Each structure stands twice: as structure tokens, then as C-alpha cells.
N, C-alpha and C. Protein backbone atom coordinates (compact mmCIF):
# COMPACT_ATOMS: atom_id res chain seq x y z
N MET A 1 -0.37 267.55 212.74
CA MET A 1 -0.88 267.96 211.89
C MET A 1 -0.26 266.54 210.48
N LEU A 2 -1.04 267.11 209.63
CA LEU A 2 -0.22 266.13 208.23
C LEU A 2 0.60 267.11 207.58
N VAL A 3 1.55 266.00 207.21
CA VAL A 3 2.65 266.66 206.09
C VAL A 3 2.51 265.12 204.85
N ASP A 4 1.60 265.93 203.43
CA ASP A 4 2.17 264.76 202.14
C ASP A 4 0.84 263.64 202.90
N GLY A 5 0.00 264.35 203.78
CA GLY A 5 -0.56 262.97 204.31
C GLY A 5 -0.48 261.71 205.24
N VAL A 6 0.63 262.04 206.09
CA VAL A 6 1.79 261.56 206.97
C VAL A 6 1.24 262.16 207.99
N PRO A 7 0.96 261.72 209.72
CA PRO A 7 1.26 262.54 211.06
C PRO A 7 2.36 262.96 210.77
N ALA A 8 2.92 263.88 211.14
CA ALA A 8 4.25 264.90 211.07
C ALA A 8 4.66 263.63 212.11
N TRP A 9 4.68 263.56 213.04
CA TRP A 9 5.59 262.48 214.15
C TRP A 9 5.49 261.15 213.57
N GLN A 10 5.37 260.94 212.52
CA GLN A 10 5.77 259.63 211.76
C GLN A 10 6.65 259.72 210.46
N LEU A 11 7.07 261.23 210.76
CA LEU A 11 8.14 261.31 209.39
C LEU A 11 9.07 260.54 209.60
N THR A 12 10.54 260.70 209.19
CA THR A 12 11.67 259.79 209.70
C THR A 12 12.31 261.72 209.61
N ALA A 13 13.95 261.37 210.14
CA ALA A 13 14.28 262.34 210.07
C ALA A 13 14.84 263.35 209.13
N GLU A 14 15.27 262.42 207.93
CA GLU A 14 15.38 263.23 206.89
C GLU A 14 14.03 263.67 206.14
N SER A 15 12.90 263.08 206.42
CA SER A 15 11.99 263.89 205.50
C SER A 15 11.41 264.96 206.29
N ARG A 16 11.48 265.02 207.86
CA ARG A 16 11.08 266.21 208.56
C ARG A 16 12.17 267.09 208.43
N ALA A 17 13.21 266.98 208.01
CA ALA A 17 14.51 267.76 207.70
C ALA A 17 14.18 268.70 206.49
N ASN A 18 13.23 267.65 205.52
CA ASN A 18 12.74 268.19 204.17
C ASN A 18 12.27 269.24 204.24
N HIS A 19 10.91 268.94 205.13
CA HIS A 19 9.42 269.77 205.38
C HIS A 19 9.33 270.86 206.34
N PHE A 20 10.32 270.40 206.99
CA PHE A 20 10.24 271.50 208.79
C PHE A 20 11.73 272.64 208.20
N ALA A 21 11.68 273.86 208.33
CA ALA A 21 12.71 274.83 208.17
C ALA A 21 12.16 275.99 209.71
N MET A 22 13.74 276.35 209.83
CA MET A 22 13.35 276.93 210.82
C MET A 22 14.55 278.35 210.83
N LEU A 23 14.50 279.55 211.03
CA LEU A 23 15.23 280.88 211.10
C LEU A 23 15.91 281.14 212.78
N THR A 24 16.58 281.05 212.80
CA THR A 24 16.95 281.07 214.82
C THR A 24 17.45 281.95 214.97
N GLN A 25 17.68 282.70 216.17
CA GLN A 25 17.85 284.17 216.51
C GLN A 25 19.41 283.92 216.18
N GLN A 26 20.36 282.83 216.60
CA GLN A 26 21.49 282.14 216.44
C GLN A 26 21.43 282.02 215.02
N VAL A 27 22.50 282.22 213.64
CA VAL A 27 22.07 281.76 212.60
C VAL A 27 23.64 281.05 212.14
N ASP A 28 23.43 280.25 211.50
CA ASP A 28 24.81 279.61 211.15
C ASP A 28 25.45 279.93 209.74
N LEU A 29 26.01 280.68 209.57
CA LEU A 29 26.78 280.69 208.28
C LEU A 29 28.26 280.33 208.46
N PHE A 30 28.54 279.42 207.38
CA PHE A 30 29.78 279.07 207.37
C PHE A 30 31.26 279.89 206.57
N ASP A 31 32.45 279.77 206.87
CA ASP A 31 33.35 280.57 206.08
C ASP A 31 33.62 280.34 204.46
N ALA A 32 32.65 280.61 204.04
CA ALA A 32 32.55 280.72 202.67
C ALA A 32 31.61 281.16 201.93
N SER A 33 31.89 281.26 200.42
CA SER A 33 31.29 282.30 199.42
C SER A 33 29.35 282.67 200.49
N ILE A 34 29.23 283.93 199.88
CA ILE A 34 27.81 284.14 199.70
C ILE A 34 27.01 283.09 199.18
N ALA A 35 27.02 282.83 197.81
CA ALA A 35 26.86 281.80 196.79
C ALA A 35 26.87 280.43 197.68
N GLU A 36 28.00 279.87 197.86
CA GLU A 36 27.70 278.30 199.33
C GLU A 36 27.36 278.70 200.05
N ASN A 37 27.06 280.11 201.03
CA ASN A 37 25.80 279.47 202.01
C ASN A 37 24.58 279.69 201.65
N LEU A 38 24.40 279.95 200.29
CA LEU A 38 22.86 279.86 199.85
C LEU A 38 22.56 278.39 199.57
N ARG A 39 23.88 277.40 198.68
CA ARG A 39 23.55 276.57 198.04
C ARG A 39 23.24 275.54 198.85
N ILE A 40 23.49 275.53 200.16
CA ILE A 40 23.15 274.47 201.18
C ILE A 40 22.14 274.12 200.73
N ALA A 41 21.20 275.37 200.82
CA ALA A 41 19.46 274.73 200.88
C ALA A 41 19.12 274.26 199.47
N ASP A 42 19.82 274.92 198.51
CA ASP A 42 19.49 274.25 197.10
C ASP A 42 21.33 274.80 196.28
N PRO A 43 21.78 273.07 196.50
CA PRO A 43 22.75 273.04 195.25
C PRO A 43 22.55 272.89 194.16
N THR A 44 21.28 273.13 193.34
CA THR A 44 21.62 272.95 192.44
C THR A 44 20.64 274.27 191.94
N ALA A 45 20.86 275.33 192.93
CA ALA A 45 20.57 276.64 192.57
C ALA A 45 21.36 277.60 191.57
N SER A 46 20.49 278.25 190.19
CA SER A 46 21.16 278.89 189.70
C SER A 46 21.60 280.21 190.51
N ASP A 47 22.25 280.85 190.13
CA ASP A 47 22.81 282.38 190.20
C ASP A 47 21.29 283.58 190.00
N ASP A 48 20.35 283.17 189.41
CA ASP A 48 19.12 283.38 188.77
C ASP A 48 18.39 283.47 190.43
N LYS A 49 18.25 282.16 190.70
CA LYS A 49 17.65 281.77 191.58
C LYS A 49 18.39 282.35 192.97
N LEU A 50 19.45 282.53 193.04
CA LEU A 50 20.73 283.13 194.60
C LEU A 50 19.83 284.64 194.37
N TRP A 51 19.75 285.36 193.37
CA TRP A 51 19.54 286.66 193.67
C TRP A 51 18.07 286.77 193.78
N GLU A 52 17.08 285.95 193.10
CA GLU A 52 16.11 286.07 193.75
C GLU A 52 15.92 285.98 194.81
N ALA A 53 16.37 285.22 195.65
CA ALA A 53 16.65 284.92 197.28
C ALA A 53 17.16 286.09 197.92
N LEU A 54 18.10 286.87 197.30
CA LEU A 54 18.43 287.83 197.97
C LEU A 54 17.64 289.17 198.15
N LYS A 55 17.05 289.31 196.84
CA LYS A 55 16.23 290.45 196.21
C LYS A 55 14.97 290.24 197.45
N ALA A 56 14.96 289.22 197.82
CA ALA A 56 13.26 289.00 198.74
C ALA A 56 14.06 288.99 199.69
N VAL A 57 14.70 289.25 200.50
CA VAL A 57 15.43 289.76 201.73
C VAL A 57 16.23 291.30 201.91
N ALA A 58 15.89 291.70 200.62
CA ALA A 58 16.66 293.39 200.44
C ALA A 58 18.24 293.20 200.77
N LEU A 59 18.93 291.91 200.44
CA LEU A 59 20.13 292.47 200.24
C LEU A 59 20.85 292.02 198.76
N ASP A 60 20.04 291.96 197.80
CA ASP A 60 20.63 292.09 196.13
C ASP A 60 21.58 293.41 195.66
N SER A 61 20.92 294.29 195.99
CA SER A 61 21.81 296.05 195.83
C SER A 61 22.76 295.90 196.62
N TRP A 62 23.55 294.91 198.20
CA TRP A 62 24.17 295.46 198.64
C TRP A 62 25.39 294.14 197.72
N VAL A 63 24.75 293.56 197.68
CA VAL A 63 25.98 292.07 196.97
C VAL A 63 26.41 292.44 195.89
N GLU A 64 25.47 293.17 195.22
CA GLU A 64 26.23 293.47 193.51
C GLU A 64 26.96 294.57 193.59
N GLN A 65 27.12 295.68 194.94
CA GLN A 65 27.68 296.24 195.01
C GLN A 65 29.70 296.06 195.48
N LEU A 66 29.78 294.49 196.09
CA LEU A 66 30.90 293.79 196.70
C LEU A 66 31.44 293.68 195.27
N PRO A 67 32.60 294.09 195.33
CA PRO A 67 33.28 293.42 194.32
C PRO A 67 33.70 292.01 193.77
N LYS A 68 33.58 290.95 194.60
CA LYS A 68 33.55 289.85 194.55
C LYS A 68 31.47 289.36 194.13
N GLY A 69 30.76 289.77 194.21
CA GLY A 69 29.62 289.85 194.51
C GLY A 69 29.32 288.61 195.40
N LEU A 70 28.87 287.55 194.59
CA LEU A 70 28.20 286.53 194.77
C LEU A 70 29.41 285.07 195.63
N ALA A 71 30.54 285.58 195.00
CA ALA A 71 31.74 284.85 195.09
C ALA A 71 32.75 285.62 196.64
N THR A 72 31.89 286.64 196.81
CA THR A 72 32.52 287.25 198.23
C THR A 72 32.10 286.29 199.96
N ALA A 73 33.15 285.95 200.51
CA ALA A 73 33.52 285.54 201.41
C ALA A 73 32.66 285.57 202.56
N VAL A 74 32.05 285.50 203.41
CA VAL A 74 31.19 286.20 205.07
C VAL A 74 32.20 285.78 205.74
N GLY A 75 33.22 284.86 206.22
CA GLY A 75 33.84 284.72 206.91
C GLY A 75 33.19 283.56 207.88
N GLU A 76 34.38 283.20 208.66
CA GLU A 76 33.46 282.22 210.09
C GLU A 76 32.70 282.89 210.52
N LYS A 77 31.28 282.04 210.66
CA LYS A 77 30.53 282.37 211.30
C LYS A 77 29.70 283.96 210.99
N GLY A 78 29.77 284.19 209.39
CA GLY A 78 29.62 285.23 209.01
C GLY A 78 29.82 286.33 209.43
N GLN A 79 31.42 286.50 210.38
CA GLN A 79 31.67 287.88 210.77
C GLN A 79 32.01 288.57 210.23
N GLN A 80 32.21 288.58 208.12
CA GLN A 80 32.16 290.10 207.92
C GLN A 80 31.30 290.41 207.68
N LEU A 81 29.88 289.74 207.67
CA LEU A 81 28.53 290.78 207.87
C LEU A 81 27.94 291.30 209.00
N SER A 82 26.98 292.43 209.39
CA SER A 82 26.52 292.82 210.35
C SER A 82 25.32 291.79 210.25
N GLY A 83 25.05 292.12 211.73
CA GLY A 83 23.81 291.14 212.22
C GLY A 83 22.89 290.80 211.07
N GLY A 84 22.64 292.15 210.88
CA GLY A 84 21.08 292.18 210.17
C GLY A 84 21.61 291.33 208.91
N GLN A 85 22.73 291.51 208.42
CA GLN A 85 22.77 291.06 206.95
C GLN A 85 22.81 289.46 207.14
N GLY A 86 23.60 289.52 208.44
CA GLY A 86 23.71 287.41 208.28
C GLY A 86 22.47 286.82 208.52
N ARG A 87 21.34 287.58 209.22
CA ARG A 87 19.77 286.88 209.70
C ARG A 87 18.98 286.81 208.25
N ARG A 88 19.40 288.53 207.48
CA ARG A 88 18.78 288.19 206.31
C ARG A 88 19.49 286.93 205.40
N LEU A 89 20.60 287.15 205.12
CA LEU A 89 21.26 286.13 204.36
C LEU A 89 20.38 284.18 204.51
N ALA A 90 20.49 284.10 205.88
CA ALA A 90 20.32 283.20 206.57
C ALA A 90 18.89 282.73 206.12
N LEU A 91 17.85 283.40 206.32
CA LEU A 91 16.31 283.65 205.60
C LEU A 91 16.55 283.45 204.46
N ALA A 92 17.79 283.54 203.50
CA ALA A 92 17.63 283.61 202.32
C ALA A 92 17.14 282.21 201.64
N ARG A 93 18.41 281.94 202.19
CA ARG A 93 18.77 280.60 202.75
C ARG A 93 17.77 279.38 202.78
N LEU A 94 17.08 279.72 203.90
CA LEU A 94 15.60 279.28 204.07
C LEU A 94 14.61 279.28 203.05
N MET A 95 14.40 280.67 202.13
CA MET A 95 13.85 280.64 201.24
C MET A 95 14.09 279.99 199.98
N LEU A 96 14.98 279.37 199.66
CA LEU A 96 15.55 278.10 198.57
C LEU A 96 15.06 277.07 199.06
N CYS A 97 14.42 276.75 200.27
CA CYS A 97 14.33 275.67 200.77
C CYS A 97 12.45 275.60 199.87
N ASN A 98 12.26 274.28 200.17
CA ASN A 98 10.69 274.39 200.05
C ASN A 98 10.22 273.00 200.96
N PRO A 99 10.25 273.88 202.51
CA PRO A 99 9.15 273.19 203.13
C PRO A 99 7.99 274.06 203.50
N LYS A 100 7.32 272.54 204.42
CA LYS A 100 5.38 273.02 204.56
C LYS A 100 5.66 273.79 205.69
N MET A 101 6.37 273.85 206.57
CA MET A 101 6.17 274.35 208.13
C MET A 101 7.52 274.93 208.39
N VAL A 102 7.31 276.38 208.82
CA VAL A 102 8.53 277.74 208.93
C VAL A 102 8.27 277.78 210.00
N ILE A 103 9.23 277.86 210.98
CA ILE A 103 9.09 278.42 212.12
C ILE A 103 10.50 279.89 212.38
N LEU A 104 9.77 281.29 212.24
CA LEU A 104 10.26 282.27 212.32
C LEU A 104 10.96 282.74 213.26
N ASP A 105 11.86 282.83 213.95
CA ASP A 105 12.24 283.70 215.03
C ASP A 105 13.21 285.01 214.82
N GLU A 106 11.88 286.22 215.24
CA GLU A 106 12.62 286.80 214.93
C GLU A 106 13.16 287.97 213.07
N PRO A 107 12.10 287.22 212.66
CA PRO A 107 13.04 287.78 211.07
C PRO A 107 13.06 289.11 210.75
N PHE A 108 12.73 289.99 211.55
CA PHE A 108 12.99 291.71 211.43
C PHE A 108 14.03 292.22 212.06
N ALA A 109 14.70 291.34 213.08
CA ALA A 109 15.52 291.92 213.41
C ALA A 109 17.03 292.57 213.47
N GLY A 110 17.47 293.33 213.73
CA GLY A 110 18.50 293.87 213.01
C GLY A 110 18.20 294.43 211.49
N VAL A 111 16.87 295.30 211.54
CA VAL A 111 16.88 295.68 210.02
C VAL A 111 15.34 297.22 210.63
N ASP A 112 15.31 297.61 210.00
CA ASP A 112 15.03 299.58 209.49
C ASP A 112 13.38 298.60 208.93
N GLU A 113 12.51 299.50 208.86
CA GLU A 113 10.82 299.24 209.21
C GLU A 113 10.92 299.08 207.61
N THR A 114 11.98 300.21 206.76
CA THR A 114 11.70 299.77 205.30
C THR A 114 11.70 298.43 205.23
N THR A 115 12.87 297.72 205.26
CA THR A 115 13.36 296.90 204.49
C THR A 115 12.25 295.81 205.82
N ALA A 116 11.95 295.75 206.83
CA ALA A 116 11.37 294.79 207.47
C ALA A 116 9.48 294.98 206.54
N LYS A 117 9.28 295.82 205.90
CA LYS A 117 8.31 295.61 205.20
C LYS A 117 8.63 295.03 203.63
N HIS A 118 9.63 295.23 203.59
CA HIS A 118 9.98 294.65 202.21
C HIS A 118 10.02 292.80 202.11
N ILE A 119 10.89 292.75 203.44
CA ILE A 119 10.76 291.20 203.52
C ILE A 119 9.77 290.69 204.20
N ALA A 120 8.99 291.57 204.91
CA ALA A 120 7.45 290.71 205.09
C ALA A 120 6.53 290.93 203.84
N ALA A 121 6.66 291.38 202.99
CA ALA A 121 6.07 291.33 201.52
C ALA A 121 6.36 290.16 201.31
N SER A 122 7.75 289.86 200.70
CA SER A 122 8.58 288.83 200.13
C SER A 122 7.66 287.53 201.07
N LEU A 123 7.94 287.57 202.32
CA LEU A 123 7.56 286.04 202.74
C LEU A 123 6.03 286.37 202.81
N ASP A 124 5.20 286.86 202.74
CA ASP A 124 3.84 286.85 202.61
C ASP A 124 3.86 286.22 200.93
N LYS A 125 4.43 286.20 199.19
CA LYS A 125 4.33 285.34 198.93
C LYS A 125 4.57 284.11 198.92
N TRP A 126 5.95 284.09 199.70
CA TRP A 126 6.29 282.84 199.70
C TRP A 126 5.71 281.35 200.48
N LEU A 127 5.11 282.17 201.97
CA LEU A 127 4.70 281.21 202.66
C LEU A 127 2.79 281.02 202.25
N VAL A 128 2.43 281.26 201.07
CA VAL A 128 1.98 280.62 200.52
C VAL A 128 2.02 279.08 200.65
N ASN A 129 0.38 278.58 200.82
CA ASN A 129 0.30 276.98 201.35
C ASN A 129 1.62 276.56 202.42
N ARG A 130 1.85 277.25 202.95
CA ARG A 130 3.04 277.11 204.07
C ARG A 130 2.32 277.30 205.21
N THR A 131 2.57 275.93 206.53
CA THR A 131 2.56 277.00 207.94
C THR A 131 3.63 277.41 208.11
N ALA A 132 3.22 278.63 208.58
CA ALA A 132 4.48 279.72 209.60
C ALA A 132 4.48 280.11 210.59
N ILE A 133 4.65 280.20 211.99
CA ILE A 133 5.16 280.36 213.48
C ILE A 133 6.02 281.42 213.54
N PHE A 134 5.74 282.62 213.66
CA PHE A 134 6.30 283.63 214.03
C PHE A 134 6.75 283.70 215.60
N LEU A 135 7.80 283.88 215.98
CA LEU A 135 7.88 283.95 217.47
C LEU A 135 8.58 285.70 217.40
N VAL A 136 8.24 286.93 217.54
CA VAL A 136 8.03 288.01 217.91
C VAL A 136 8.53 288.07 219.59
N HIS A 137 9.60 289.29 219.91
CA HIS A 137 9.28 290.16 221.22
C HIS A 137 8.83 291.58 221.41
N GLN A 138 9.16 292.29 220.23
CA GLN A 138 8.49 293.63 219.95
C GLN A 138 7.53 293.25 219.49
N VAL A 139 6.31 294.16 220.22
CA VAL A 139 5.11 294.86 219.73
C VAL A 139 5.12 295.09 217.92
N SER A 140 5.73 296.34 217.87
CA SER A 140 6.01 296.77 216.96
C SER A 140 6.06 295.98 215.33
N SER A 141 6.79 295.04 216.04
CA SER A 141 6.69 293.41 214.81
C SER A 141 5.69 293.23 214.30
N LEU A 142 4.46 293.67 215.40
CA LEU A 142 3.36 292.90 214.80
C LEU A 142 3.24 293.72 213.46
N ASN A 143 2.90 294.62 213.31
CA ASN A 143 2.58 295.60 212.27
C ASN A 143 2.99 294.77 210.89
N VAL A 144 4.10 294.26 210.46
CA VAL A 144 4.79 293.94 209.30
C VAL A 144 4.47 292.80 209.48
N LEU A 145 3.85 291.84 210.27
CA LEU A 145 4.08 290.32 209.97
C LEU A 145 3.29 289.87 209.05
N PRO A 146 3.54 289.34 207.82
CA PRO A 146 2.05 289.00 207.08
C PRO A 146 1.18 287.99 206.89
N GLY A 147 0.43 287.78 206.80
CA GLY A 147 -1.10 286.71 206.56
C GLY A 147 -1.07 286.36 207.60
N VAL A 148 -1.07 286.79 208.92
CA VAL A 148 -1.29 286.23 210.13
C VAL A 148 -2.92 286.14 210.67
N GLU A 149 -3.03 284.52 210.73
CA GLU A 149 -4.45 284.37 210.84
C GLU A 149 -4.66 284.14 212.41
N TYR A 150 -3.66 283.70 212.97
CA TYR A 150 -3.76 283.62 214.58
C TYR A 150 -3.04 284.38 215.54
N HIS A 151 -3.25 285.33 216.74
CA HIS A 151 -1.83 285.77 217.27
C HIS A 151 -2.41 285.14 218.89
N TRP A 152 -1.21 284.94 219.49
CA TRP A 152 -0.72 284.86 220.89
C TRP A 152 0.06 285.67 221.54
N HIS A 153 -0.02 285.71 222.94
CA HIS A 153 0.17 286.83 223.63
C HIS A 153 0.80 286.10 224.98
N LEU A 154 1.81 286.01 224.93
CA LEU A 154 2.25 285.79 226.36
C LEU A 154 2.50 286.51 227.62
N ASP A 155 1.66 286.92 228.57
CA ASP A 155 2.00 287.65 229.25
C ASP A 155 1.86 287.24 230.52
N ALA A 156 2.82 287.18 231.68
CA ALA A 156 2.92 286.51 232.91
C ALA A 156 2.64 285.46 232.90
N GLY A 157 3.27 284.90 232.01
CA GLY A 157 3.38 283.21 231.96
C GLY A 157 2.15 282.55 231.25
N LYS A 158 1.16 283.42 230.94
CA LYS A 158 -0.11 282.98 230.53
C LYS A 158 -0.41 283.62 229.07
N LEU A 159 -0.68 282.25 227.97
CA LEU A 159 -0.98 282.60 226.80
C LEU A 159 -2.42 282.69 226.56
N SER A 160 -2.58 284.15 225.35
CA SER A 160 -3.73 284.68 225.53
C SER A 160 -3.89 284.44 223.71
N GLN A 161 -5.33 284.50 223.67
CA GLN A 161 -5.47 284.63 221.69
C GLN A 161 -6.01 286.05 221.44
N PHE A 162 -5.79 286.77 221.07
CA PHE A 162 -6.33 288.21 220.48
C PHE A 162 -6.88 287.82 218.98
N PRO A 163 -7.76 288.78 218.85
CA PRO A 163 -8.94 288.71 217.73
C PRO A 163 -7.58 289.17 216.58
N LEU A 164 -8.07 288.75 214.98
CA LEU A 164 -7.14 288.82 214.20
C LEU A 164 -6.92 290.49 214.04
N ASN A 165 -7.52 291.60 214.08
CA ASN A 165 -7.52 292.58 213.52
C ASN A 165 -6.70 293.77 215.34
N TYR A 166 -6.49 292.94 216.08
CA TYR A 166 -5.72 293.25 217.45
C TYR A 166 -4.34 293.62 216.83
N ARG A 167 -3.87 294.58 217.13
CA ARG A 167 -2.47 295.31 216.61
C ARG A 167 -2.02 296.62 217.33
């Protein structure tokens, strides 16, 4: 894989950090405001840009209803948020980055099907010209995955590729 014309393994650690991003199952949120947690990805992001990211993950309406809005503290490790809200906030932060390669581990965990479809549509637009790897455990999640070109399935320790129309 080439990243800006350079083999990925030859990138410096700083360059890798700028080109690769990952949403893990264990999200890292800090005892700071929603805005501060988002601006970790882009310190120069305007409030409008933060609201766009929140809208992409269907958190904008909820944050608008909070008395302090973007200034609302999330608590240590995001303890003031539900698990689904915390994951979506971490996903919004990731979307404020400009990585070439994205790994999304269970991006729809903790959300209902309608929200998952909204997030999938947002990801479909955001992932244009990026490489993404989705890690999902629930087969029902496959129905909302955006723009998937290849689908592999691990069964009894064997990796199999399925046709694109398999779901």
C-alpha cells in the first residue's frame, strides 16, 4: 500500500498517525467538553465544523438540547454519556481527521437501526477516496455497511471471501 507515493511501512510514526485512524471498541474520551474532545482531531476546527461532525453521527440534536451545548463536560472516560453516545462522539472526532486509511471496529454498536443507517450514509460520503476496513461481528450490521467492495467472513478459523451481493 502506498500513502502519498510512499510504501506504508516507510512512513515515520508521525506520518502514520496523520494518515491512519481507528475507531476501536474501547473509545478514549477525556474529562473535558464535547468541543474539546472533538478538537483533539482538529484543534483549528470551527464550531460549525464540530456541528457538522456531530450531525454526521446523529448527535447534533442531542447536544443542542444540552444546557451547555458543545461546552458540556463528558466526564472522565466519557462517563456522562451512554456507550452509544461515547462511540459516536469518538467517531465524530475521527471524521474531523483526514486519514487515508480508516479501521472501524463495530462502528454501529450501541445504536438503533435508523441511527446506524444515518451514520452509514454519512460514512459513505466521508470515506470517498479513503480505504476503510470495517470489523463487524453481527451479520445484521452488513446491511448498513457503506460502499463495501470486498467482504470476508471468518468461520471456524477459516477466512472466506463472499460475492459483493452476499448479505
